[in-house]
C-alpha atoms as a PDB file:
ATOM      1  CA  UNK A   1     -13.944 -12.926 -41.950  1.00  0.00           C
ATOM      2  CA  UNK A   2     -15.566  -9.877 -40.397  1.00  0.00           C
ATOM      3  CA  UNK A   3     -14.204  -8.491 -37.193  1.00  0.00           C
ATOM      4  CA  UNK A   4     -16.337  -9.738 -34.360  1.00  0.00           C
ATOM      5  CA  UNK A   5     -16.263 -11.760 -31.212  1.00  0.00           C
ATOM      6  CA  UNK A   6     -14.824 -14.819 -32.994  1.00  0.00           C
ATOM      7  CA  UNK A   7     -11.157 -15.618 -33.422  1.00  0.00           C
ATOM      8  CA  UNK A   8      -9.330 -18.322 -35.324  1.00  0.00           C
ATOM      9  CA  UNK A   9      -6.906 -18.545 -32.411  1.00  0.00           C
ATOM     10  CA  UNK A  10      -8.131 -20.398 -29.315  1.00  0.00           C
ATOM     11  CA  UNK A  11      -4.878 -20.163 -27.391  1.00  0.00           C
ATOM     12  CA  UNK A  12      -1.583 -18.281 -27.361  1.00  0.00           C
ATOM     13  CA  UNK A  13       1.980 -19.208 -26.496  1.00  0.00           C
ATOM     14  CA  UNK A  14       3.825 -16.698 -24.334  1.00  0.00           C
ATOM     15  CA  UNK A  15       7.444 -16.509 -25.474  1.00  0.00           C
ATOM     16  CA  UNK A  16       8.588 -15.487 -22.003  1.00  0.00           C
ATOM     17  CA  UNK A  17      11.422 -13.245 -20.931  1.00  0.00           C
ATOM     18  CA  UNK A  18      14.234 -15.368 -22.359  1.00  0.00           C
ATOM     19  CA  UNK A  19      14.681 -18.492 -24.464  1.00  0.00           C
ATOM     20  CA  UNK A  20      18.210 -19.206 -23.219  1.00  0.00           C
ATOM     21  CA  UNK A  21      18.103 -22.577 -21.371  1.00  0.00           C
ATOM     22  CA  UNK A  22      20.948 -21.668 -19.001  1.00  0.00           C
ATOM     23  CA  UNK A  23      18.980 -18.697 -17.666  1.00  0.00           C
ATOM     24  CA  UNK A  24      15.668 -20.476 -17.064  1.00  0.00           C
ATOM     25  CA  UNK A  25      16.399 -21.842 -13.566  1.00  0.00           C
ATOM     26  CA  UNK A  26      18.229 -18.725 -12.243  1.00  0.00           C
ATOM     27  CA  UNK A  27      15.414 -16.488 -13.524  1.00  0.00           C
ATOM     28  CA  UNK A  28      12.782 -18.775 -12.030  1.00  0.00           C
ATOM     29  CA  UNK A  29      14.419 -18.682  -8.594  1.00  0.00           C
ATOM     30  CA  UNK A  30      15.029 -14.922  -8.783  1.00  0.00           C
ATOM     31  CA  UNK A  31      11.497 -13.953  -9.810  1.00  0.00           C
ATOM     32  CA  UNK A  32       9.975 -16.469  -7.392  1.00  0.00           C
ATOM     33  CA  UNK A  33      11.911 -14.738  -4.619  1.00  0.00           C
ATOM     34  CA  UNK A  34      10.806 -11.333  -5.865  1.00  0.00           C
ATOM     35  CA  UNK A  35       7.167 -12.446  -5.903  1.00  0.00           C
ATOM     36  CA  UNK A  36       7.370 -13.852  -2.372  1.00  0.00           C
ATOM     37  CA  UNK A  37       8.876 -10.563  -1.126  1.00  0.00           C
ATOM     38  CA  UNK A  38       6.172  -8.646  -3.030  1.00  0.00           C
ATOM     39  CA  UNK A  39       3.319 -10.622  -1.462  1.00  0.00           C
ATOM     40  CA  UNK A  40       4.774 -10.559   2.058  1.00  0.00           C
ATOM     41  CA  UNK A  41       5.790  -6.883   1.816  1.00  0.00           C
ATOM     42  CA  UNK A  42       2.489  -5.555   0.522  1.00  0.00           C
ATOM     43  CA  UNK A  43       0.335  -7.728   2.789  1.00  0.00           C
ATOM     44  CA  UNK A  44       2.471  -6.618   5.738  1.00  0.00           C
ATOM     45  CA  UNK A  45       2.060  -2.960   4.782  1.00  0.00           C
ATOM     46  CA  UNK A  46      -1.732  -3.303   4.463  1.00  0.00           C
ATOM     47  CA  UNK A  47      -1.936  -5.182   7.791  1.00  0.00           C
ATOM     48  CA  UNK A  48       0.353  -2.710   9.583  1.00  0.00           C
ATOM     49  CA  UNK A  49      -1.693   0.279   8.432  1.00  0.00           C
ATOM     50  CA  UNK A  50      -4.942  -1.380   9.522  1.00  0.00           C
ATOM     51  CA  UNK A  51      -3.622  -2.445  12.932  1.00  0.00           C
ATOM     52  CA  UNK A  52      -1.807   0.780  13.847  1.00  0.00           C
ATOM     53  CA  UNK A  53      -4.088   3.674  14.801  1.00  0.00           C
ATOM     54  CA  UNK A  54      -1.036   5.903  14.433  1.00  0.00           C
ATOM     55  CA  UNK A  55      -1.199   5.296  10.665  1.00  0.00           C
ATOM     56  CA  UNK A  56      -4.922   5.995  10.232  1.00  0.00           C
ATOM     57  CA  UNK A  57      -4.308   9.133   8.151  1.00  0.00           C
ATOM     58  CA  UNK A  58      -5.061   9.976   4.494  1.00  0.00           C
ATOM     59  CA  UNK A  59      -1.428   9.422   3.461  1.00  0.00           C
ATOM     60  CA  UNK A  60      -1.403   5.849   4.737  1.00  0.00           C
ATOM     61  CA  UNK A  61      -4.954   5.198   3.576  1.00  0.00           C
ATOM     62  CA  UNK A  62      -3.729   5.874   0.035  1.00  0.00           C
ATOM     63  CA  UNK A  63      -0.564   3.867   0.691  1.00  0.00           C
ATOM     64  CA  UNK A  64      -2.636   0.821   1.677  1.00  0.00           C
ATOM     65  CA  UNK A  65      -4.550   1.203  -1.610  1.00  0.00           C
ATOM     66  CA  UNK A  66      -1.235   1.366  -3.473  1.00  0.00           C
ATOM     67  CA  UNK A  67      -0.060  -1.811  -1.722  1.00  0.00           C
ATOM     68  CA  UNK A  68      -3.307  -3.573  -2.627  1.00  0.00           C
ATOM     69  CA  UNK A  69      -2.959  -2.548  -6.297  1.00  0.00           C
ATOM     70  CA  UNK A  70       0.706  -3.639  -6.380  1.00  0.00           C
ATOM     71  CA  UNK A  71      -0.154  -6.993  -4.834  1.00  0.00           C
ATOM     72  CA  UNK A  72      -2.982  -7.611  -7.301  1.00  0.00           C
ATOM     73  CA  UNK A  73      -1.287  -6.720 -10.571  1.00  0.00           C
ATOM     74  CA  UNK A  74       1.883  -8.523  -9.569  1.00  0.00           C
ATOM     75  CA  UNK A  75      -0.278 -11.605  -8.938  1.00  0.00           C
ATOM     76  CA  UNK A  76      -1.930 -11.172 -12.347  1.00  0.00           C
ATOM     77  CA  UNK A  77       1.474 -11.247 -14.091  1.00  0.00           C
ATOM     78  CA  UNK A  78       4.169 -13.077 -12.113  1.00  0.00           C
ATOM     79  CA  UNK A  79       2.742 -16.603 -11.558  1.00  0.00           C
ATOM     80  CA  UNK A  80       2.110 -17.084 -15.283  1.00  0.00           C
ATOM     81  CA  UNK A  81       5.549 -15.694 -16.044  1.00  0.00           C
ATOM     82  CA  UNK A  82       7.145 -18.247 -13.695  1.00  0.00           C
ATOM     83  CA  UNK A  83       5.489 -21.048 -15.672  1.00  0.00           C
ATOM     84  CA  UNK A  84       7.486 -20.043 -18.775  1.00  0.00           C
ATOM     85  CA  UNK A  85      10.744 -20.866 -16.956  1.00  0.00           C
ATOM     86  CA  UNK A  86       9.739 -24.456 -16.116  1.00  0.00           C
ATOM     87  CA  UNK A  87       7.748 -25.535 -19.195  1.00  0.00           C
ATOM     88  CA  UNK A  88       8.688 -25.887 -22.841  1.00  0.00           C
ATOM     89  CA  UNK A  89       5.581 -24.002 -23.999  1.00  0.00           C
ATOM     90  CA  UNK A  90       3.790 -21.496 -21.783  1.00  0.00           C
ATOM     91  CA  UNK A  91       0.289 -21.870 -23.246  1.00  0.00           C
ATOM     92  CA  UNK A  92      -2.497 -19.485 -22.264  1.00  0.00           C
ATOM     93  CA  UNK A  93      -6.040 -19.864 -23.589  1.00  0.00           C
ATOM     94  CA  UNK A  94      -7.815 -17.017 -25.370  1.00  0.00           C
ATOM     95  CA  UNK A  95     -10.238 -16.347 -22.446  1.00  0.00           C
ATOM     96  CA  UNK A  96      -7.369 -16.476 -19.939  1.00  0.00           C
ATOM     97  CA  UNK A  97      -5.335 -14.083 -22.074  1.00  0.00           C
ATOM     98  CA  UNK A  98      -8.196 -11.560 -22.312  1.00  0.00           C
ATOM     99  CA  UNK A  99      -8.814 -11.884 -18.560  1.00  0.00           C
ATOM    100  CA  UNK A 100      -5.155 -11.258 -17.799  1.00  0.00           C
ATOM    101  CA  UNK A 101      -5.166  -8.251 -20.145  1.00  0.00           C
ATOM    102  CA  UNK A 102      -8.282  -6.845 -18.454  1.00  0.00           C
ATOM    103  CA  UNK A 103      -6.993  -7.068 -14.885  1.00  0.00           C
ATOM    104  CA  UNK A 104      -3.515  -5.907 -15.867  1.00  0.00           C
ATOM    105  CA  UNK A 105      -4.981  -2.796 -17.514  1.00  0.00           C
ATOM    106  CA  UNK A 106      -7.322  -2.234 -14.565  1.00  0.00           C
ATOM    107  CA  UNK A 107      -4.598  -2.293 -11.934  1.00  0.00           C
ATOM    108  CA  UNK A 108      -1.875  -0.512 -13.940  1.00  0.00           C
ATOM    109  CA  UNK A 109      -4.228   2.385 -14.760  1.00  0.00           C
ATOM    110  CA  UNK A 110      -5.355   2.483 -11.128  1.00  0.00           C
ATOM    111  CA  UNK A 111      -1.705   2.708 -10.059  1.00  0.00           C
ATOM    112  CA  UNK A 112      -1.146   5.730 -12.319  1.00  0.00           C
ATOM    113  CA  UNK A 113      -4.022   7.578 -10.680  1.00  0.00           C
ATOM    114  CA  UNK A 114      -3.358   6.528  -7.062  1.00  0.00           C
ATOM    115  CA  UNK A 115       0.175   7.925  -7.401  1.00  0.00           C
ATOM    116  CA  UNK A 116      -1.343  11.230  -8.571  1.00  0.00           C
ATOM    117  CA  UNK A 117      -3.765  11.218  -5.619  1.00  0.00           C
ATOM    118  CA  UNK A 118      -0.864  10.614  -3.232  1.00  0.00           C
ATOM    119  CA  UNK A 119       1.007  13.566  -4.741  1.00  0.00           C
ATOM    120  CA  UNK A 120      -2.074  15.776  -4.271  1.00  0.00           C
ATOM    121  CA  UNK A 121      -2.308  14.615  -0.654  1.00  0.00           C
ATOM    122  CA  UNK A 122       1.310  15.710  -0.030  1.00  0.00           C
ATOM    123  CA  UNK A 123       0.576  19.046  -1.750  1.00  0.00           C
ATOM    124  CA  UNK A 124      -2.334  19.774   0.601  1.00  0.00           C
ATOM    125  CA  UNK A 125      -0.350  18.609   3.654  1.00  0.00           C
ATOM    126  CA  UNK A 126       2.650  20.868   2.932  1.00  0.00           C
ATOM    127  CA  UNK A 127       1.144  23.828   1.080  1.00  0.00           C
ATOM    128  CA  UNK A 128      -2.199  24.087   2.936  1.00  0.00           C
ATOM    129  CA  UNK A 129      -1.598  22.463   6.340  1.00  0.00           C
ATOM    130  CA  UNK A 130      -4.353  24.407   8.142  1.00  0.00           C
ATOM    131  CA  UNK A 131      -6.973  23.127   5.677  1.00  0.00           C
ATOM    132  CA  UNK A 132      -5.623  19.574   5.508  1.00  0.00           C
ATOM    133  CA  UNK A 133      -8.152  17.902   7.825  1.00  0.00           C
ATOM    134  CA  UNK A 134     -11.055  19.543   5.992  1.00  0.00           C
ATOM    135  CA  UNK A 135      -9.726  19.082   2.450  1.00  0.00           C
ATOM    136  CA  UNK A 136      -8.636  15.475   2.980  1.00  0.00           C
ATOM    137  CA  UNK A 137     -11.576  14.279   5.064  1.00  0.00           C
ATOM    138  CA  UNK A 138     -12.507  10.588   5.197  1.00  0.00           C
ATOM    139  CA  UNK A 139     -15.334  11.156   2.696  1.00  0.00           C
ATOM    140  CA  UNK A 140     -13.032  12.963   0.254  1.00  0.00           C
ATOM    141  CA  UNK A 141     -10.350  10.265   0.546  1.00  0.00           C
ATOM    142  CA  UNK A 142     -12.923   7.527  -0.029  1.00  0.00           C
ATOM    143  CA  UNK A 143     -14.263   9.241  -3.141  1.00  0.00           C
ATOM    144  CA  UNK A 144     -10.745   9.764  -4.492  1.00  0.00           C
ATOM    145  CA  UNK A 145     -10.001   6.026  -4.149  1.00  0.00           C
ATOM    146  CA  UNK A 146     -13.342   5.161  -5.784  1.00  0.00           C
ATOM    147  CA  UNK A 147     -12.486   7.475  -8.694  1.00  0.00           C
ATOM    148  CA  UNK A 148      -9.070   5.800  -9.010  1.00  0.00           C
ATOM    149  CA  UNK A 149     -10.708   2.398  -9.454  1.00  0.00           C
ATOM    150  CA  UNK A 150     -13.325   3.871 -11.803  1.00  0.00           C
ATOM    151  CA  UNK A 151     -10.535   5.128 -14.066  1.00  0.00           C
ATOM    152  CA  UNK A 152      -9.053   1.643 -14.039  1.00  0.00           C
ATOM    153  CA  UNK A 153     -12.435   0.052 -14.756  1.00  0.00           C
ATOM    154  CA  UNK A 154     -13.198   2.351 -17.687  1.00  0.00           C
ATOM    155  CA  UNK A 155      -9.734   1.975 -19.228  1.00  0.00           C
ATOM    156  CA  UNK A 156      -9.603  -1.813 -18.818  1.00  0.00           C
ATOM    157  CA  UNK A 157     -13.098  -2.242 -20.258  1.00  0.00           C
ATOM    158  CA  UNK A 158     -12.276  -0.061 -23.264  1.00  0.00           C
ATOM    159  CA  UNK A 159      -8.960  -1.786 -24.058  1.00  0.00           C
ATOM    160  CA  UNK A 160     -10.270  -5.317 -23.579  1.00  0.00           C
ATOM    161  CA  UNK A 161     -13.511  -4.597 -25.416  1.00  0.00           C
ATOM    162  CA  UNK A 162     -11.563  -3.379 -28.443  1.00  0.00           C
ATOM    163  CA  UNK A 163      -9.216  -6.359 -28.241  1.00  0.00           C
ATOM    164  CA  UNK A 164     -12.157  -8.793 -28.311  1.00  0.00           C
ATOM    165  CA  UNK A 165     -13.117  -7.546 -31.779  1.00  0.00           C
ATOM    166  CA  UNK A 166      -9.629  -8.217 -33.183  1.00  0.00           C
ATOM    167  CA  UNK A 167      -9.265 -11.301 -35.412  1.00  0.00           C
ATOM    168  CA  UNK A 168      -6.156 -13.347 -34.678  1.00  0.00           C
ATOM    169  CA  UNK A 169      -5.116 -15.606 -37.537  1.00  0.00           C
ATOM    170  CA  UNK A 170      -1.356 -15.230 -37.654  1.00  0.00           C
ATOM    171  CA  UNK A 171       1.346 -16.831 -35.568  1.00  0.00           C
ATOM    172  CA  UNK A 172      -0.070 -17.373 -32.077  1.00  0.00           C
ATOM    173  CA  UNK A 173       3.256 -16.787 -30.287  1.00  0.00           C
ATOM    174  CA  UNK A 174       3.003 -13.627 -28.152  1.00  0.00           C
ATOM    175  CA  UNK A 175       6.399 -11.939 -27.945  1.00  0.00           C
ATOM    176  CA  UNK A 176       6.070 -11.209 -24.228  1.00  0.00           C
ATOM    177  CA  UNK A 177       5.751 -12.899 -20.841  1.00  0.00           C
ATOM    178  CA  UNK A 178       2.122 -11.774 -20.446  1.00  0.00           C
ATOM    179  CA  UNK A 179      -0.799 -10.673 -22.618  1.00  0.00           C
ATOM    180  CA  UNK A 180      -0.006  -7.009 -23.218  1.00  0.00           C
ATOM    181  CA  UNK A 181      -1.637  -4.744 -25.786  1.00  0.00           C
ATOM    182  CA  UNK A 182       1.191  -4.183 -28.287  1.00  0.00           C
ATOM    183  CA  UNK A 183       2.322  -7.836 -28.576  1.00  0.00           C
ATOM    184  CA  UNK A 184      -1.281  -8.963 -29.112  1.00  0.00           C
ATOM    185  CA  UNK A 185      -1.941  -6.328 -31.772  1.00  0.00           C
ATOM    186  CA  UNK A 186       1.159  -7.576 -33.608  1.00  0.00           C
ATOM    187  CA  UNK A 187      -0.682 -10.889 -34.183  1.00  0.00           C
ATOM    188  CA  UNK A 188      -3.827  -9.334 -35.650  1.00  0.00           C
ATOM    189  CA  UNK A 189      -4.866  -9.877 -39.249  1.00  0.00           C
ATOM    190  CA  UNK A 190      -7.805  -7.462 -38.987  1.00  0.00           C
ATOM    191  CA  UNK A 191      -7.723  -3.685 -38.736  1.00  0.00           C
ATOM    192  CA  UNK A 192      -6.297  -2.405 -35.467  1.00  0.00           C
ATOM    193  CA  UNK A 193      -7.036   1.257 -36.194  1.00  0.00           C
ATOM    194  CA  UNK A 194      -9.731   1.550 -33.508  1.00  0.00           C
ATOM    195  CA  UNK A 195      -7.505  -0.207 -30.967  1.00  0.00           C
ATOM    196  CA  UNK A 196      -4.637   2.150 -31.737  1.00  0.00           C
ATOM    197  CA  UNK A 197      -6.855   5.237 -31.432  1.00  0.00           C
ATOM    198  CA  UNK A 198      -8.331   4.014 -28.137  1.00  0.00           C
ATOM    199  CA  UNK A 199      -4.858   3.089 -26.878  1.00  0.00           C
ATOM    200  CA  UNK A 200      -3.495   6.517 -27.818  1.00  0.00           C
ATOM    201  CA  UNK A 201      -6.389   8.435 -26.237  1.00  0.00           C
ATOM    202  CA  UNK A 202      -6.408   6.462 -22.988  1.00  0.00           C
ATOM    203  CA  UNK A 203      -2.610   6.412 -22.759  1.00  0.00           C
ATOM    204  CA  UNK A 204      -2.496  10.189 -23.085  1.00  0.00           C
ATOM    205  CA  UNK A 205      -5.227  10.636 -20.489  1.00  0.00           C
ATOM    206  CA  UNK A 206      -3.996   8.017 -18.014  1.00  0.00           C
ATOM    207  CA  UNK A 207      -0.369   9.086 -18.371  1.00  0.00           C
ATOM    208  CA  UNK A 208      -0.606  12.833 -18.999  1.00  0.00           C
ATOM    209  CA  UNK A 209      -3.256  13.777 -16.417  1.00  0.00           C
ATOM    210  CA  UNK A 210      -1.564  11.978 -13.479  1.00  0.00           C
ATOM    211  CA  UNK A 211       1.849  13.243 -14.631  1.00  0.00           C
ATOM    212  CA  UNK A 212       0.653  16.864 -14.751  1.00  0.00           C
ATOM    213  CA  UNK A 213      -1.011  16.432 -11.356  1.00  0.00           C
ATOM    214  CA  UNK A 214       2.204  15.047  -9.871  1.00  0.00           C
ATOM    215  CA  UNK A 215       4.409  17.714 -11.487  1.00  0.00           C
ATOM    216  CA  UNK A 216       2.049  20.532 -10.486  1.00  0.00           C
ATOM    217  CA  UNK A 217       1.870  19.232  -6.914  1.00  0.00           C
ATOM    218  CA  UNK A 218       5.630  18.956  -6.543  1.00  0.00           C
ATOM    219  CA  UNK A 219       6.358  22.333  -8.129  1.00  0.00           C
ATOM    220  CA  UNK A 220       4.112  23.872  -5.467  1.00  0.00           C
ATOM    221  CA  UNK A 221       5.634  21.665  -2.760  1.00  0.00           C
ATOM    222  CA  UNK A 222       9.209  22.635  -3.705  1.00  0.00           C
ATOM    223  CA  UNK A 223       8.227  26.323  -3.759  1.00  0.00           C
ATOM    224  CA  UNK A 224       6.728  25.954  -0.259  1.00  0.00           C
ATOM    225  CA  UNK A 225       9.746  24.048   1.059  1.00  0.00           C
ATOM    226  CA  UNK A 226      12.113  26.749  -0.220  1.00  0.00           C
ATOM    227  CA  UNK A 227      10.140  29.342   1.763  1.00  0.00           C
ATOM    228  CA  UNK A 228      10.763  27.418   4.991  1.00  0.00           C
ATOM    229  CA  UNK A 229      13.629  29.152   6.813  1.00  0.00           C
ATOM    230  CA  UNK A 230      14.815  26.383   9.115  1.00  0.00           C
ATOM    231  CA  UNK A 231      16.945  23.573   7.699  1.00  0.00           C
ATOM    232  CA  UNK A 232      15.185  21.089   9.974  1.00  0.00           C
ATOM    233  CA  UNK A 233      11.785  22.184   8.672  1.00  0.00           C
ATOM    234  CA  UNK A 234      12.903  21.797   5.061  1.00  0.00           C
ATOM    235  CA  UNK A 235      14.351  18.361   5.755  1.00  0.00           C
ATOM    236  CA  UNK A 236      11.183  17.186   7.492  1.00  0.00           C
ATOM    237  CA  UNK A 237       8.949  18.464   4.684  1.00  0.00           C
ATOM    238  CA  UNK A 238      11.090  16.866   1.996  1.00  0.00           C
ATOM    239  CA  UNK A 239      11.340  13.543   3.847  1.00  0.00           C
ATOM    240  CA  UNK A 240       7.542  13.123   3.651  1.00  0.00           C
ATOM    241  CA  UNK A 241       7.769  13.282  -0.164  1.00  0.00           C
ATOM    242  CA  UNK A 242      11.053  11.518  -0.953  1.00  0.00           C
ATOM    243  CA  UNK A 243       9.622   7.982  -0.916  1.00  0.00           C
ATOM    244  CA  UNK A 244       6.775   8.952  -3.244  1.00  0.00           C
ATOM    245  CA  UNK A 245       9.131  10.756  -5.636  1.00  0.00           C
ATOM    246  CA  UNK A 246      11.339   7.660  -5.883  1.00  0.00           C
ATOM    247  CA  UNK A 247       8.358   5.346  -6.534  1.00  0.00           C
ATOM    248  CA  UNK A 248       6.905   7.686  -9.178  1.00  0.00           C
ATOM    249  CA  UNK A 249      10.252   8.013 -10.980  1.00  0.00           C
ATOM    250  CA  UNK A 250      10.796   4.244 -11.252  1.00  0.00           C
ATOM    251  CA  UNK A 251       7.201   3.437 -12.222  1.00  0.00           C
ATOM    252  CA  UNK A 252       6.610   6.198 -14.783  1.00  0.00           C
ATOM    253  CA  UNK A 253      10.129   5.973 -16.200  1.00  0.00           C
ATOM    254  CA  UNK A 254       9.897   2.270 -17.041  1.00  0.00           C
ATOM    255  CA  UNK A 255       6.256   2.488 -18.215  1.00  0.00           C
ATOM    256  CA  UNK A 256       7.013   5.449 -20.485  1.00  0.00           C
ATOM    257  CA  UNK A 257       9.905   3.557 -22.065  1.00  0.00           C
ATOM    258  CA  UNK A 258       7.538   0.721 -23.011  1.00  0.00           C
ATOM    259  CA  UNK A 259       4.491   2.630 -24.244  1.00  0.00           C
ATOM    260  CA  UNK A 260       5.949   5.872 -25.630  1.00  0.00           C
ATOM    261  CA  UNK A 261       8.338   4.477 -28.241  1.00  0.00           C
ATOM    262  CA  UNK A 262       7.893   3.155 -31.810  1.00  0.00           C
ATOM    263  CA  UNK A 263       6.612  -0.419 -32.045  1.00  0.00           C
ATOM    264  CA  UNK A 264       9.121  -2.724 -33.755  1.00  0.00           C
ATOM    265  CA  UNK A 265      10.853  -6.014 -32.986  1.00  0.00           C
ATOM    266  CA  UNK A 266      13.833  -4.370 -31.300  1.00  0.00           C
ATOM    267  CA  UNK A 267      11.669  -2.109 -29.126  1.00  0.00           C
ATOM    268  CA  UNK A 268       9.441  -5.090 -28.260  1.00  0.00           C
ATOM    269  CA  UNK A 269      12.444  -6.988 -26.860  1.00  0.00           C
ATOM    270  CA  UNK A 270      13.617  -3.889 -24.982  1.00  0.00           C
ATOM    271  CA  UNK A 271      10.049  -3.357 -23.793  1.00  0.00           C
ATOM    272  CA  UNK A 272       9.992  -6.807 -22.186  1.00  0.00           C
ATOM    273  CA  UNK A 273      12.987  -5.887 -20.053  1.00  0.00           C
ATOM    274  CA  UNK A 274      11.490  -2.503 -19.125  1.00  0.00           C
ATOM    275  CA  UNK A 275       8.152  -4.145 -18.346  1.00  0.00           C
ATOM    276  CA  UNK A 276       9.889  -6.227 -15.693  1.00  0.00           C
ATOM    277  CA  UNK A 277      10.524  -3.051 -13.694  1.00  0.00           C
ATOM    278  CA  UNK A 278       6.967  -1.720 -13.498  1.00  0.00           C
ATOM    279  CA  UNK A 279       5.151  -5.102 -13.421  1.00  0.00           C
ATOM    280  CA  UNK A 280       7.420  -7.081 -11.075  1.00  0.00           C
ATOM    281  CA  UNK A 281      10.193  -4.987  -9.496  1.00  0.00           C
ATOM    282  CA  UNK A 282       8.173  -1.863  -8.587  1.00  0.00           C
ATOM    283  CA  UNK A 283       5.482  -3.812  -6.644  1.00  0.00           C
ATOM    284  CA  UNK A 284       8.308  -5.359  -4.615  1.00  0.00           C
ATOM    285  CA  UNK A 285      10.149  -2.060  -4.057  1.00  0.00           C
ATOM    286  CA  UNK A 286       7.160   0.064  -2.992  1.00  0.00           C
ATOM    287  CA  UNK A 287       6.637  -1.461   0.488  1.00  0.00           C
ATOM    288  CA  UNK A 288      10.416  -1.595   1.022  1.00  0.00           C
ATOM    289  CA  UNK A 289      10.836   2.073   0.074  1.00  0.00           C
ATOM    290  CA  UNK A 290       7.954   3.228   2.243  1.00  0.00           C
ATOM    291  CA  UNK A 291       9.038   1.135   5.234  1.00  0.00           C
ATOM    292  CA  UNK A 292      12.791   1.767   5.134  1.00  0.00           C
ATOM    293  CA  UNK A 293      12.505   5.495   4.402  1.00  0.00           C
ATOM    294  CA  UNK A 294       9.522   6.300   6.628  1.00  0.00           C
ATOM    295  CA  UNK A 295       9.855   6.947  10.363  1.00  0.00           C
ATOM    296  CA  UNK A 296       6.113   6.597  11.045  1.00  0.00           C
ATOM    297  CA  UNK A 297       6.054   3.096   9.574  1.00  0.00           C
ATOM    298  CA  UNK A 298       9.155   2.102  11.557  1.00  0.00           C
ATOM    299  CA  UNK A 299       7.644   3.432  14.791  1.00  0.00           C
ATOM    300  CA  UNK A 300       4.316   1.670  14.152  1.00  0.00           C
ATOM    301  CA  UNK A 301       6.100  -1.595  13.318  1.00  0.00           C
ATOM    302  CA  UNK A 302       8.239  -1.412  16.474  1.00  0.00           C
ATOM    303  CA  UNK A 303       5.150  -0.747  18.627  1.00  0.00           C
ATOM    304  CA  UNK A 304       3.307  -3.757  17.195  1.00  0.00           C
ATOM    305  CA  UNK A 305       6.372  -6.001  17.625  1.00  0.00           C
ATOM    306  CA  UNK A 306       6.821  -4.821  21.231  1.00  0.00           C
ATOM    307  CA  UNK A 307       3.116  -5.380  21.924  1.00  0.00           C
ATOM    308  CA  UNK A 308       3.231  -8.909  20.482  1.00  0.00           C
ATOM    309  CA  UNK A 309       6.410  -9.728  22.450  1.00  0.00           C
ATOM    310  CA  UNK A 310       4.872  -8.448  25.688  1.00  0.00           C
ATOM    311  CA  UNK A 311       1.778 -10.603  25.068  1.00  0.00           C
ATOM    312  CA  UNK A 312       3.995 -13.666  24.512  1.00  0.00           C
ATOM    313  CA  UNK A 313       5.954 -12.954  27.693  1.00  0.00           C
ATOM    314  CA  UNK A 314       2.723 -12.614  29.682  1.00  0.00           C
ATOM    315  CA  UNK A 315       1.540 -15.999  28.394  1.00  0.00           C
ATOM    316  CA  UNK A 316       4.720 -17.605  29.689  1.00  0.00           C
END
């Protein structure tokens, strides 16, 4: 059968995170809780930034985009994953699988680039403070966010387009809790050379370019911070970057472990565990990190709470 848009497989079975019966209910409750915190946390962050004029700055404009991306790709993955804990077979149709793959790729690639944009924003703020308002104008910020989503669109279209030409005629059990690239390619009985080349090229671009941008930005930031004489000034400058550094480390560390290692059965099983961090845990942690470690967010939240309480008291 020639490689084309047809496939002998009309549905897949997602193996899930674990097959141990004793762990199904605890995992279901745990990841359900994580998803609820993720949705509430990210929606709250987006709402807080929109309501508080104090947070209408480029840094928080990008943070609201990050929260939106986290909310979306967590929603693409987690609900279907939860099904695997309460059903004997977590079946996903071929169109649903390709749709999940497309939106997962779109949002995960967008996250890589929005983190790089946020690092560049901190670089301009600390290293070129006098030019910050000009360099990071509303028009520039808007174009940067558009470019982030364009990168996601191009990457997702390329990966999914190549996957649609793959012929699946082997075992239809996907060794993962969602339709990811490597587990799907393991089921192919047609050539995956083009897919592997596209995956390699886009992985290098979408991983290397943001990584170099982040590293270059923080090398310059650290150099600028070290030139600040006052301890208070250094602490203030570093505090504006610490949350972003923590988020970048967790996200890129877990993603690199999954996609930059040899593909075999053992690494696939390890990859499932690592995938949990950047697909489920990181979207939950991001709003918590930025709210608990950020004074501006705390101040804005307290002002909104006080305003709401005063309105309630006036009504009574």
